[in-house]
Amino acid sequence: EPLGLDMGSMVKGEVWINGQSIGRYWTITAAGDCEPCRYEGA
């Protein structure tokens, strides 16, 4: 199965696996409009 790294307990930085960077991480909280979605309309 594909693998991931759970970084939910950290804050901000970068991760490397065997010398290769999997990227920047940042667990900043998301804001937005998460109301129920309807497909109809533009």
Full PDB file with SEQRES, HELIX, SHEET, SSBOND, CRYST1, ORIGX, SCALE, CONECT and MASTER records, all heavy atoms in Angstrom:
SEQRES   1 A   42  GLU PRO LEU GLY LEU ASP MET GLY SER MET VAL LYS GLY          
SEQRES   2 A   42  GLU VAL TRP ILE ASN GLY GLN SER ILE GLY ARG TYR TRP          
SEQRES   3 A   42  THR ILE THR ALA ALA GLY ASP CYS GLU PRO CYS ARG TYR          
SEQRES   4 A   42  GLU GLY ALA                                                  
SHEET    1 AA1 2 LYS A  12  ILE A  17  0                                        
SHEET    2 AA1 2 GLN A  20  TRP A  26 -1                                        
CRYST1    1.000    1.000    1.000  90.00  90.00  90.00 P 1           1          
ORIGX1      1.000000  0.000000  0.000000        0.00000                         
ORIGX2      0.000000  1.000000  0.000000        0.00000                         
ORIGX3      0.000000  0.000000  1.000000        0.00000                         
SCALE1      1.000000  0.000000  0.000000        0.00000                         
SCALE2      0.000000  1.000000  0.000000        0.00000                         
SCALE3      0.000000  0.000000  1.000000        0.00000                         
ATOM      1  N   GLU A   1       0.825  -1.194   0.000  1.00  0.00           N  
ATOM      2  CA  GLU A   1       0.000   0.000   0.000  1.00  0.00           C  
ATOM      3  C   GLU A   1       0.867   1.254   0.000  1.00  0.00           C  
ATOM      4  O   GLU A   1       1.965   1.257   0.561  1.00  0.00           O  
ATOM      5  CB  GLU A   1      -0.908   0.034   1.247  1.00  0.00           C  
ATOM      6  CG  GLU A   1      -1.791  -1.169   1.425  1.00  0.00           C  
ATOM      7  CD  GLU A   1      -1.163  -2.233   2.297  1.00  0.00           C  
ATOM      8  OE1 GLU A   1       0.103  -2.254   2.398  1.00  0.00           O  
ATOM      9  OE2 GLU A   1      -1.921  -3.020   2.889  1.00  0.00           O  
ATOM     10  N   PRO A   2       0.400   2.343  -0.620  1.00  0.00           N  
ATOM     11  CA  PRO A   2       1.156   3.603  -0.546  1.00  0.00           C  
ATOM     12  C   PRO A   2       1.327   4.048   0.903  1.00  0.00           C  
ATOM     13  O   PRO A   2       0.467   3.798   1.754  1.00  0.00           O  
ATOM     14  CB  PRO A   2       0.272   4.583  -1.326  1.00  0.00           C  
ATOM     15  CG  PRO A   2      -0.601   3.739  -2.186  1.00  0.00           C  
ATOM     16  CD  PRO A   2      -0.827   2.476  -1.429  1.00  0.00           C  
ATOM     17  N   LEU A   3       2.444   4.706   1.172  1.00  0.00           N  
ATOM     18  CA  LEU A   3       2.776   5.116   2.531  1.00  0.00           C  
ATOM     19  C   LEU A   3       2.714   6.633   2.695  1.00  0.00           C  
ATOM     20  O   LEU A   3       2.981   7.396   1.760  1.00  0.00           O  
ATOM     21  CB  LEU A   3       4.181   4.640   2.901  1.00  0.00           C  
ATOM     22  CG  LEU A   3       4.431   3.132   2.952  1.00  0.00           C  
ATOM     23  CD1 LEU A   3       5.903   2.867   3.248  1.00  0.00           C  
ATOM     24  CD2 LEU A   3       3.546   2.476   3.999  1.00  0.00           C  
ATOM     25  N   GLY A   4       2.383   7.026   3.900  1.00  0.00           N  
ATOM     26  CA  GLY A   4       2.441   8.426   4.267  1.00  0.00           C  
ATOM     27  C   GLY A   4       3.058   8.579   5.638  1.00  0.00           C  
ATOM     28  O   GLY A   4       3.193   7.604   6.391  1.00  0.00           O  
ATOM     29  N   LEU A   5       3.440   9.811   5.962  1.00  0.00           N  
ATOM     30  CA  LEU A   5       3.987  10.125   7.281  1.00  0.00           C  
ATOM     31  C   LEU A   5       3.015  11.075   7.969  1.00  0.00           C  
ATOM     32  O   LEU A   5       2.682  12.140   7.423  1.00  0.00           O  
ATOM     33  CB  LEU A   5       5.370  10.764   7.148  1.00  0.00           C  
ATOM     34  CG  LEU A   5       6.233  10.799   8.412  1.00  0.00           C  
ATOM     35  CD1 LEU A   5       6.553   9.387   8.901  1.00  0.00           C  
ATOM     36  CD2 LEU A   5       7.530  11.566   8.139  1.00  0.00           C  
ATOM     37  N   ASP A   6       2.545  10.679   9.145  1.00  0.00           N  
ATOM     38  CA  ASP A   6       1.603  11.490   9.911  1.00  0.00           C  
ATOM     39  C   ASP A   6       2.388  12.527  10.712  1.00  0.00           C  
ATOM     40  O   ASP A   6       3.071  12.203  11.674  1.00  0.00           O  
ATOM     41  CB  ASP A   6       0.796  10.590  10.845  1.00  0.00           C  
ATOM     42  CG  ASP A   6      -0.307  11.345  11.583  1.00  0.00           C  
ATOM     43  OD1 ASP A   6      -0.306  12.585  11.549  1.00  0.00           O  
ATOM     44  OD2 ASP A   6      -1.166  10.674  12.198  1.00  0.00           O  
ATOM     45  N   MET A   7       2.262  13.793  10.295  1.00  0.00           N  
ATOM     46  CA  MET A   7       2.988  14.891  10.942  1.00  0.00           C  
ATOM     47  C   MET A   7       2.057  15.773  11.758  1.00  0.00           C  
ATOM     48  O   MET A   7       2.395  16.908  12.089  1.00  0.00           O  
ATOM     49  CB  MET A   7       3.708  15.727   9.878  1.00  0.00           C  
ATOM     50  CG  MET A   7       4.736  14.973   9.061  1.00  0.00           C  
ATOM     51  SD  MET A   7       6.090  14.327  10.068  1.00  0.00           S  
ATOM     52  CE  MET A   7       6.854  15.865  10.597  1.00  0.00           C  
ATOM     53  N   GLY A   8       0.873  15.238  12.121  1.00  0.00           N  
ATOM     54  CA  GLY A   8      -0.125  16.048  12.801  1.00  0.00           C  
ATOM     55  C   GLY A   8       0.293  16.583  14.146  1.00  0.00           C  
ATOM     56  O   GLY A   8      -0.294  17.560  14.639  1.00  0.00           O  
ATOM     57  N   SER A   9       1.308  15.982  14.766  1.00  0.00           N  
ATOM     58  CA  SER A   9       1.745  16.437  16.089  1.00  0.00           C  
ATOM     59  C   SER A   9       2.834  17.504  16.023  1.00  0.00           C  
ATOM     60  O   SER A   9       3.248  18.033  17.053  1.00  0.00           O  
ATOM     61  CB  SER A   9       2.260  15.247  16.899  1.00  0.00           C  
ATOM     62  OG  SER A   9       3.412  14.682  16.277  1.00  0.00           O  
ATOM     63  N   MET A  10       3.297  17.799  14.819  1.00  0.00           N  
ATOM     64  CA  MET A  10       4.364  18.786  14.659  1.00  0.00           C  
ATOM     65  C   MET A  10       3.780  20.127  14.214  1.00  0.00           C  
ATOM     66  O   MET A  10       2.564  20.276  14.053  1.00  0.00           O  
ATOM     67  CB  MET A  10       5.404  18.270  13.671  1.00  0.00           C  
ATOM     68  CG  MET A  10       6.007  16.927  14.061  1.00  0.00           C  
ATOM     69  SD  MET A  10       6.807  16.954  15.684  1.00  0.00           S  
ATOM     70  CE  MET A  10       8.363  17.744  15.259  1.00  0.00           C  
ATOM     71  N   VAL A  11       4.649  21.124  13.994  1.00  0.00           N  
ATOM     72  CA  VAL A  11       4.158  22.461  13.646  1.00  0.00           C  
ATOM     73  C   VAL A  11       4.584  22.854  12.231  1.00  0.00           C  
ATOM     74  O   VAL A  11       3.745  22.990  11.345  1.00  0.00           O  
ATOM     75  CB  VAL A  11       4.636  23.521  14.658  1.00  0.00           C  
ATOM     76  CG1 VAL A  11       4.068  24.902  14.286  1.00  0.00           C  
ATOM     77  CG2 VAL A  11       4.196  23.137  16.066  1.00  0.00           C  
ATOM     78  N   LYS A  12       5.885  23.018  12.005  1.00  0.00           N  
ATOM     79  CA  LYS A  12       6.329  23.506  10.695  1.00  0.00           C  
ATOM     80  C   LYS A  12       7.785  23.132  10.475  1.00  0.00           C  
ATOM     81  O   LYS A  12       8.606  23.267  11.377  1.00  0.00           O  
ATOM     82  CB  LYS A  12       6.168  25.024  10.589  1.00  0.00           C  
ATOM     83  CG  LYS A  12       6.480  25.597   9.227  1.00  0.00           C  
ATOM     84  CD  LYS A  12       6.273  27.111   9.186  1.00  0.00           C  
ATOM     85  CE  LYS A  12       6.580  27.673   7.812  1.00  0.00           C  
ATOM     86  NZ  LYS A  12       7.974  27.414   7.394  1.00  0.00           N  
ATOM     87  N   GLY A  13       8.092  22.672   9.257  1.00  0.00           N  
ATOM     88  CA  GLY A  13       9.467  22.329   8.932  1.00  0.00           C  
ATOM     89  C   GLY A  13       9.557  21.536   7.652  1.00  0.00           C  
ATOM     90  O   GLY A  13       8.788  21.761   6.708  1.00  0.00           O  
ATOM     91  N   GLU A  14      10.499  20.582   7.606  1.00  0.00           N  
ATOM     92  CA  GLU A  14      10.726  19.780   6.403  1.00  0.00           C  
ATOM     93  C   GLU A  14      11.154  18.376   6.835  1.00  0.00           C  
ATOM     94  O   GLU A  14      11.729  18.209   7.916  1.00  0.00           O  
ATOM     95  CB  GLU A  14      11.801  20.426   5.519  1.00  0.00           C  
ATOM     96  CG  GLU A  14      11.943  19.786   4.139  1.00  0.00           C  
ATOM     97  CD  GLU A  14      12.879  20.569   3.216  1.00  0.00           C  
ATOM     98  OE1 GLU A  14      13.243  21.712   3.568  1.00  0.00           O  
ATOM     99  OE2 GLU A  14      13.250  20.032   2.153  1.00  0.00           O  
ATOM    100  N   VAL A  15      10.877  17.376   5.996  1.00  0.00           N  
ATOM    101  CA  VAL A  15      11.169  15.973   6.316  1.00  0.00           C  
ATOM    102  C   VAL A  15      11.963  15.346   5.188  1.00  0.00           C  
ATOM    103  O   VAL A  15      11.681  15.580   4.002  1.00  0.00           O  
ATOM    104  CB  VAL A  15       9.877  15.157   6.521  1.00  0.00           C  
ATOM    105  CG1 VAL A  15      10.214  13.760   7.024  1.00  0.00           C  
ATOM    106  CG2 VAL A  15       8.941  15.847   7.485  1.00  0.00           C  
ATOM    107  N   TRP A  16      12.938  14.490   5.572  1.00  0.00           N  
ATOM    108  CA  TRP A  16      13.735  13.748   4.603  1.00  0.00           C  
ATOM    109  C   TRP A  16      13.681  12.257   4.921  1.00  0.00           C  
ATOM    110  O   TRP A  16      13.727  11.862   6.093  1.00  0.00           O  
ATOM    111  CB  TRP A  16      15.192  14.202   4.640  1.00  0.00           C  
ATOM    112  CG  TRP A  16      15.430  15.608   4.205  1.00  0.00           C  
ATOM    113  CD1 TRP A  16      15.842  16.041   2.983  1.00  0.00           C  
ATOM    114  CD2 TRP A  16      15.301  16.791   5.013  1.00  0.00           C  
ATOM    115  NE1 TRP A  16      15.969  17.411   2.974  1.00  0.00           N  
ATOM    116  CE2 TRP A  16      15.637  17.898   4.209  1.00  0.00           C  
ATOM    117  CE3 TRP A  16      14.923  17.009   6.342  1.00  0.00           C  
ATOM    118  CZ2 TRP A  16      15.619  19.199   4.683  1.00  0.00           C  
ATOM    119  CZ3 TRP A  16      14.884  18.316   6.823  1.00  0.00           C  
ATOM    120  CH2 TRP A  16      15.235  19.393   5.992  1.00  0.00           C  
ATOM    121  N   ILE A  17      13.595  11.448   3.886  1.00  0.00           N  
ATOM    122  CA  ILE A  17      13.672   9.993   4.021  1.00  0.00           C  
ATOM    123  C   ILE A  17      14.893   9.525   3.234  1.00  0.00           C  
ATOM    124  O   ILE A  17      14.980   9.747   2.019  1.00  0.00           O  
ATOM    125  CB  ILE A  17      12.417   9.299   3.473  1.00  0.00           C  
ATOM    126  CG1 ILE A  17      11.164   9.803   4.189  1.00  0.00           C  
ATOM    127  CG2 ILE A  17      12.557   7.781   3.568  1.00  0.00           C  
ATOM    128  CD1 ILE A  17      10.993   9.302   5.600  1.00  0.00           C  
ATOM    129  N   ASN A  18      15.837   8.917   3.917  1.00  0.00           N  
ATOM    130  CA  ASN A  18      17.068   8.451   3.258  1.00  0.00           C  
ATOM    131  C   ASN A  18      17.699   9.538   2.389  1.00  0.00           C  
ATOM    132  O   ASN A  18      18.195   9.291   1.287  1.00  0.00           O  
ATOM    133  CB  ASN A  18      16.794   7.194   2.426  1.00  0.00           C  
ATOM    134  CG  ASN A  18      16.457   5.999   3.296  1.00  0.00           C  
ATOM    135  OD1 ASN A  18      16.872   5.928   4.454  1.00  0.00           O  
ATOM    136  ND2 ASN A  18      15.697   5.058   2.762  1.00  0.00           N  
ATOM    137  N   GLY A  19      17.659  10.750   2.898  1.00  0.00           N  
ATOM    138  CA  GLY A  19      18.300  11.873   2.218  1.00  0.00           C  
ATOM    139  C   GLY A  19      17.449  12.587   1.196  1.00  0.00           C  
ATOM    140  O   GLY A  19      17.864  13.622   0.675  1.00  0.00           O  
ATOM    141  N   GLN A  20      16.253  12.073   0.899  1.00  0.00           N  
ATOM    142  CA  GLN A  20      15.382  12.715  -0.087  1.00  0.00           C  
ATOM    143  C   GLN A  20      14.240  13.435   0.626  1.00  0.00           C  
ATOM    144  O   GLN A  20      13.559  12.852   1.483  1.00  0.00           O  
ATOM    145  CB  GLN A  20      14.828  11.681  -1.065  1.00  0.00           C  
ATOM    146  CG  GLN A  20      15.908  10.965  -1.862  1.00  0.00           C  
ATOM    147  CD  GLN A  20      15.362  10.359  -3.126  1.00  0.00           C  
ATOM    148  OE1 GLN A  20      14.896  11.060  -4.025  1.00  0.00           O  
ATOM    149  NE2 GLN A  20      15.429   9.032  -3.231  1.00  0.00           N  
ATOM    150  N   SER A  21      14.023  14.683   0.242  1.00  0.00           N  
ATOM    151  CA  SER A  21      13.008  15.494   0.906  1.00  0.00           C  
ATOM    152  C   SER A  21      11.616  15.122   0.407  1.00  0.00           C  
ATOM    153  O   SER A  21      11.352  15.134  -0.804  1.00  0.00           O  
ATOM    154  CB  SER A  21      13.254  16.982   0.648  1.00  0.00           C  
ATOM    155  OG  SER A  21      12.166  17.751   1.125  1.00  0.00           O  
ATOM    156  N   ILE A  22      10.726  14.818   1.360  1.00  0.00           N  
ATOM    157  CA  ILE A  22       9.333  14.603   0.971  1.00  0.00           C  
ATOM    158  C   ILE A  22       8.564  15.913   0.999  1.00  0.00           C  
ATOM    159  O   ILE A  22       7.385  15.946   0.646  1.00  0.00           O  
ATOM    160  CB  ILE A  22       8.639  13.547   1.846  1.00  0.00           C  
ATOM    161  CG1 ILE A  22       8.547  13.987   3.305  1.00  0.00           C  
ATOM    162  CG2 ILE A  22       9.353  12.213   1.744  1.00  0.00           C  
ATOM    163  CD1 ILE A  22       7.759  13.009   4.174  1.00  0.00           C  
ATOM    164  N   GLY A  23       9.219  17.010   1.394  1.00  0.00           N  
ATOM    165  CA  GLY A  23       8.610  18.322   1.256  1.00  0.00           C  
ATOM    166  C   GLY A  23       8.485  19.079   2.567  1.00  0.00           C  
ATOM    167  O   GLY A  23       8.838  18.604   3.648  1.00  0.00           O  
ATOM    168  N   ARG A  24       7.966  20.302   2.451  1.00  0.00           N  
ATOM    169  CA  ARG A  24       7.694  21.126   3.619  1.00  0.00           C  
ATOM    170  C   ARG A  24       6.416  20.625   4.298  1.00  0.00           C  
ATOM    171  O   ARG A  24       5.447  20.278   3.623  1.00  0.00           O  
ATOM    172  CB  ARG A  24       7.475  22.593   3.225  1.00  0.00           C  
ATOM    173  CG  ARG A  24       8.616  23.238   2.466  1.00  0.00           C  
ATOM    174  CD  ARG A  24       8.256  24.699   2.185  1.00  0.00           C  
ATOM    175  NE  ARG A  24       9.280  25.376   1.409  1.00  0.00           N  
ATOM    176  CZ  ARG A  24       9.214  25.561   0.083  1.00  0.00           C  
ATOM    177  NH1 ARG A  24       8.176  25.106  -0.594  1.00  0.00           N  
ATOM    178  NH2 ARG A  24      10.182  26.184  -0.552  1.00  0.00           N  
ATOM    179  N   TYR A  25       6.410  20.637   5.616  1.00  0.00           N  
ATOM    180  CA  TYR A  25       5.167  20.366   6.336  1.00  0.00           C  
ATOM    181  C   TYR A  25       4.799  21.591   7.158  1.00  0.00           C  
ATOM    182  O   TYR A  25       5.649  22.382   7.571  1.00  0.00           O  
ATOM    183  CB  TYR A  25       5.285  19.114   7.217  1.00  0.00           C  
ATOM    184  CG  TYR A  25       6.190  19.261   8.423  1.00  0.00           C  
ATOM    185  CD1 TYR A  25       5.717  19.792   9.627  1.00  0.00           C  
ATOM    186  CD2 TYR A  25       7.521  18.858   8.364  1.00  0.00           C  
ATOM    187  CE1 TYR A  25       6.552  19.935  10.734  1.00  0.00           C  
ATOM    188  CE2 TYR A  25       8.358  18.991   9.467  1.00  0.00           C  
ATOM    189  CZ  TYR A  25       7.862  19.537  10.650  1.00  0.00           C  
ATOM    190  OH  TYR A  25       8.684  19.691  11.733  1.00  0.00           O  
ATOM    191  N   TRP A  26       3.504  21.741   7.394  1.00  0.00           N  
ATOM    192  CA  TRP A  26       2.986  22.830   8.217  1.00  0.00           C  
ATOM    193  C   TRP A  26       1.577  22.424   8.618  1.00  0.00           C  
ATOM    194  O   TRP A  26       0.723  22.219   7.753  1.00  0.00           O  
ATOM    195  CB  TRP A  26       2.985  24.141   7.425  1.00  0.00           C  
ATOM    196  CG  TRP A  26       2.792  25.387   8.244  1.00  0.00           C  
ATOM    197  CD1 TRP A  26       2.756  25.507   9.606  1.00  0.00           C  
ATOM    198  CD2 TRP A  26       2.631  26.723   7.749  1.00  0.00           C  
ATOM    199  NE1 TRP A  26       2.582  26.808   9.997  1.00  0.00           N  
ATOM    200  CE2 TRP A  26       2.501  27.579   8.875  1.00  0.00           C  
ATOM    201  CE3 TRP A  26       2.572  27.269   6.475  1.00  0.00           C  
ATOM    202  CZ2 TRP A  26       2.311  28.948   8.748  1.00  0.00           C  
ATOM    203  CZ3 TRP A  26       2.392  28.644   6.344  1.00  0.00           C  
ATOM    204  CH2 TRP A  26       2.270  29.478   7.463  1.00  0.00           C  
ATOM    205  N   THR A  27       1.329  22.312   9.898  1.00  0.00           N  
ATOM    206  CA  THR A  27       0.030  21.828  10.361  1.00  0.00           C  
ATOM    207  C   THR A  27      -0.900  22.971  10.745  1.00  0.00           C  
ATOM    208  O   THR A  27      -1.782  22.807  11.602  1.00  0.00           O  
ATOM    209  CB  THR A  27       0.210  20.873  11.548  1.00  0.00           C  
ATOM    210  OG1 THR A  27       0.965  21.515  12.580  1.00  0.00           O  
ATOM    211  CG2 THR A  27       0.932  19.610  11.106  1.00  0.00           C  
ATOM    212  N   ILE A  28      -0.756  24.099  10.088  1.00  0.00           N  
ATOM    213  CA  ILE A  28      -1.619  25.245  10.325  1.00  0.00           C  
ATOM    214  C   ILE A  28      -3.072  24.854  10.035  1.00  0.00           C  
ATOM    215  O   ILE A  28      -3.368  24.097   9.112  1.00  0.00           O  
ATOM    216  CB  ILE A  28      -1.170  26.436   9.452  1.00  0.00           C  
ATOM    217  CG1 ILE A  28      -1.980  27.687   9.785  1.00  0.00           C  
ATOM    218  CG2 ILE A  28      -1.230  26.102   7.971  1.00  0.00           C  
ATOM    219  CD1 ILE A  28      -1.450  28.944   9.100  1.00  0.00           C  
ATOM    220  N   THR A  29      -3.982  25.371  10.843  1.00  0.00           N  
ATOM    221  CA  THR A  29      -5.396  25.017  10.745  1.00  0.00           C  
ATOM    222  C   THR A  29      -6.036  25.650   9.518  1.00  0.00           C  
ATOM    223  O   THR A  29      -5.785  26.816   9.193  1.00  0.00           O  
ATOM    224  CB  THR A  29      -6.146  25.466  12.013  1.00  0.00           C  
ATOM    225  OG1 THR A  29      -5.555  24.822  13.139  1.00  0.00           O  
ATOM    226  CG2 THR A  29      -7.618  25.100  11.933  1.00  0.00           C  
ATOM    227  N   ALA A  30      -6.882  24.874   8.848  1.00  0.00           N  
ATOM    228  CA  ALA A  30      -7.517  25.320   7.610  1.00  0.00           C  
ATOM    229  C   ALA A  30      -8.787  26.105   7.893  1.00  0.00           C  
ATOM    230  O   ALA A  30      -9.594  25.733   8.751  1.00  0.00           O  
ATOM    231  CB  ALA A  30      -7.850  24.111   6.734  1.00  0.00           C  
ATOM    232  N   ALA A  31      -8.951  27.187   7.157  1.00  0.00           N  
ATOM    233  CA  ALA A  31     -10.177  27.984   7.202  1.00  0.00           C  
ATOM    234  C   ALA A  31     -10.845  27.930   5.841  1.00  0.00           C  
ATOM    235  O   ALA A  31     -10.188  27.765   4.814  1.00  0.00           O  
ATOM    236  CB  ALA A  31      -9.856  29.428   7.580  1.00  0.00           C  
ATOM    237  N   GLY A  32     -12.144  28.063   5.809  1.00  0.00           N  
ATOM    238  CA  GLY A  32     -12.863  28.045   4.538  1.00  0.00           C  
ATOM    239  C   GLY A  32     -14.347  27.897   4.760  1.00  0.00           C  
ATOM    240  O   GLY A  32     -14.852  28.097   5.871  1.00  0.00           O  
ATOM    241  N   ASP A  33     -15.059  27.543   3.712  1.00  0.00           N  
ATOM    242  CA  ASP A  33     -16.508  27.344   3.758  1.00  0.00           C  
ATOM    243  C   ASP A  33     -16.777  25.869   3.507  1.00  0.00           C  
ATOM    244  O   ASP A  33     -16.738  25.398   2.371  1.00  0.00           O  
ATOM    245  CB  ASP A  33     -17.186  28.208   2.698  1.00  0.00           C  
ATOM    246  CG  ASP A  33     -18.708  28.088   2.729  1.00  0.00           C  
ATOM    247  OD1 ASP A  33     -19.224  27.334   3.584  1.00  0.00           O  
ATOM    248  OD2 ASP A  33     -19.375  28.726   1.901  1.00  0.00           O  
ATOM    249  N   CYS A  34     -17.034  25.121   4.569  1.00  0.00           N  
ATOM    250  CA  CYS A  34     -17.213  23.672   4.457  1.00  0.00           C  
ATOM    251  C   CYS A  34     -18.681  23.273   4.576  1.00  0.00           C  
ATOM    252  O   CYS A  34     -19.022  22.249   5.183  1.00  0.00           O  
ATOM    253  CB  CYS A  34     -16.364  22.962   5.501  1.00  0.00           C  
ATOM    254  SG  CYS A  34     -14.578  23.137   5.221  1.00  0.00           S  
ATOM    255  N   GLU A  35     -19.547  24.084   4.005  1.00  0.00           N  
ATOM    256  CA  GLU A  35     -20.971  23.758   3.969  1.00  0.00           C  
ATOM    257  C   GLU A  35     -21.207  22.586   3.020  1.00  0.00           C  
ATOM    258  O   GLU A  35     -20.376  22.286   2.159  1.00  0.00           O  
ATOM    259  CB  GLU A  35     -21.769  24.977   3.517  1.00  0.00           C  
ATOM    260  CG  GLU A  35     -21.711  26.154   4.476  1.00  0.00           C  
ATOM    261  CD  GLU A  35     -22.300  25.824   5.838  1.00  0.00           C  
ATOM    262  OE1 GLU A  35     -23.362  25.164   5.869  1.00  0.00           O  
ATOM    263  OE2 GLU A  35     -21.687  26.200   6.848  1.00  0.00           O  
ATOM    264  N   PRO A  36     -22.361  21.890   3.158  1.00  0.00           N  
ATOM    265  CA  PRO A  36     -22.682  20.789   2.233  1.00  0.00           C  
ATOM    266  C   PRO A  36     -22.598  21.241   0.781  1.00  0.00           C  
ATOM    267  O   PRO A  36     -22.953  22.380   0.438  1.00  0.00           O  
ATOM    268  CB  PRO A  36     -24.110  20.401   2.633  1.00  0.00           C  
ATOM    269  CG  PRO A  36     -24.213  20.792   4.079  1.00  0.00           C  
ATOM    270  CD  PRO A  36     -23.388  22.050   4.203  1.00  0.00           C  
ATOM    271  N   CYS A  37     -22.124  20.348  -0.072  1.00  0.00           N  
ATOM    272  CA  CYS A  37     -21.841  20.703  -1.469  1.00  0.00           C  
ATOM    273  C   CYS A  37     -22.932  20.188  -2.390  1.00  0.00           C  
ATOM    274  O   CYS A  37     -23.370  19.038  -2.283  1.00  0.00           O  
ATOM    275  CB  CYS A  37     -20.491  20.098  -1.874  1.00  0.00           C  
ATOM    276  SG  CYS A  37     -20.125  20.261  -3.626  1.00  0.00           S  
ATOM    277  N   ARG A  38     -23.361  21.024  -3.304  1.00  0.00           N  
ATOM    278  CA  ARG A  38     -24.248  20.619  -4.405  1.00  0.00           C  
ATOM    279  C   ARG A  38     -23.466  20.755  -5.713  1.00  0.00           C  
ATOM    280  O   ARG A  38     -22.765  21.741  -5.917  1.00  0.00           O  
ATOM    281  CB  ARG A  38     -25.492  21.503  -4.468  1.00  0.00           C  
ATOM    282  CG  ARG A  38     -26.482  21.295  -3.325  1.00  0.00           C  
ATOM    283  CD  ARG A  38     -27.628  22.285  -3.426  1.00  0.00           C  
ATOM    284  NE  ARG A  38     -28.330  22.192  -4.698  1.00  0.00           N  
ATOM    285  CZ  ARG A  38     -29.371  21.378  -4.942  1.00  0.00           C  
ATOM    286  NH1 ARG A  38     -29.819  20.586  -3.975  1.00  0.00           N  
ATOM    287  NH2 ARG A  38     -29.962  21.362  -6.115  1.00  0.00           N  
ATOM    288  N   TYR A  39     -23.626  19.760  -6.575  1.00  0.00           N  
ATOM    289  CA  TYR A  39     -22.884  19.801  -7.830  1.00  0.00           C  
ATOM    290  C   TYR A  39     -23.461  20.803  -8.806  1.00  0.00           C  
ATOM    291  O   TYR A  39     -22.769  21.291  -9.708  1.00  0.00           O  
ATOM    292  CB  TYR A  39     -22.852  18.408  -8.479  1.00  0.00           C  
ATOM    293  CG  TYR A  39     -24.117  18.024  -9.204  1.00  0.00           C  
ATOM    294  CD1 TYR A  39     -24.330  18.395 -10.543  1.00  0.00           C  
ATOM    295  CD2 TYR A  39     -25.115  17.300  -8.569  1.00  0.00           C  
ATOM    296  CE1 TYR A  39     -25.491  18.054 -11.207  1.00  0.00           C  
ATOM    297  CE2 TYR A  39     -26.273  16.946  -9.232  1.00  0.00           C  
ATOM    298  CZ  TYR A  39     -26.468  17.324 -10.546  1.00  0.00           C  
ATOM    299  OH  TYR A  39     -27.620  16.985 -11.215  1.00  0.00           O  
ATOM    300  N   GLU A  40     -24.761  21.126  -8.656  1.00  0.00           N  
ATOM    301  CA  GLU A  40     -25.417  21.989  -9.637  1.00  0.00           C  
ATOM    302  C   GLU A  40     -24.885  23.414  -9.550  1.00  0.00           C  
ATOM    303  O   GLU A  40     -24.608  23.920  -8.467  1.00  0.00           O  
ATOM    304  CB  GLU A  40     -26.937  22.010  -9.417  1.00  0.00           C  
ATOM    305  CG  GLU A  40     -27.610  20.662  -9.520  1.00  0.00           C  
ATOM    306  CD  GLU A  40     -27.753  19.966  -8.170  1.00  0.00           C  
ATOM    307  OE1 GLU A  40     -26.961  20.308  -7.254  1.00  0.00           O  
ATOM    308  OE2 GLU A  40     -28.633  19.100  -8.032  1.00  0.00           O  
ATOM    309  N   GLY A  41     -24.765  24.048 -10.696  1.00  0.00           N  
ATOM    310  CA  GLY A  41     -24.339  25.430 -10.752  1.00  0.00           C  
ATOM    311  C   GLY A  41     -22.860  25.573 -11.019  1.00  0.00           C  
ATOM    312  O   GLY A  41     -22.077  24.641 -10.817  1.00  0.00           O  
ATOM    313  N   ALA A  42     -22.478  26.753 -11.479  1.00  0.00           N  
ATOM    314  CA  ALA A  42     -21.098  26.995 -11.886  1.00  0.00           C  
ATOM    315  C   ALA A  42     -20.145  26.771 -10.727  1.00  0.00           C  
ATOM    316  O   ALA A  42     -20.369  27.234  -9.603  1.00  0.00           O  
ATOM    317  CB  ALA A  42     -20.947  28.410 -12.432  1.00  0.00           C  
TER     318      ALA A  42                                                      
MASTER        0    0    0    0    2    0    0    6  317    1    0    4          
END                                                                             
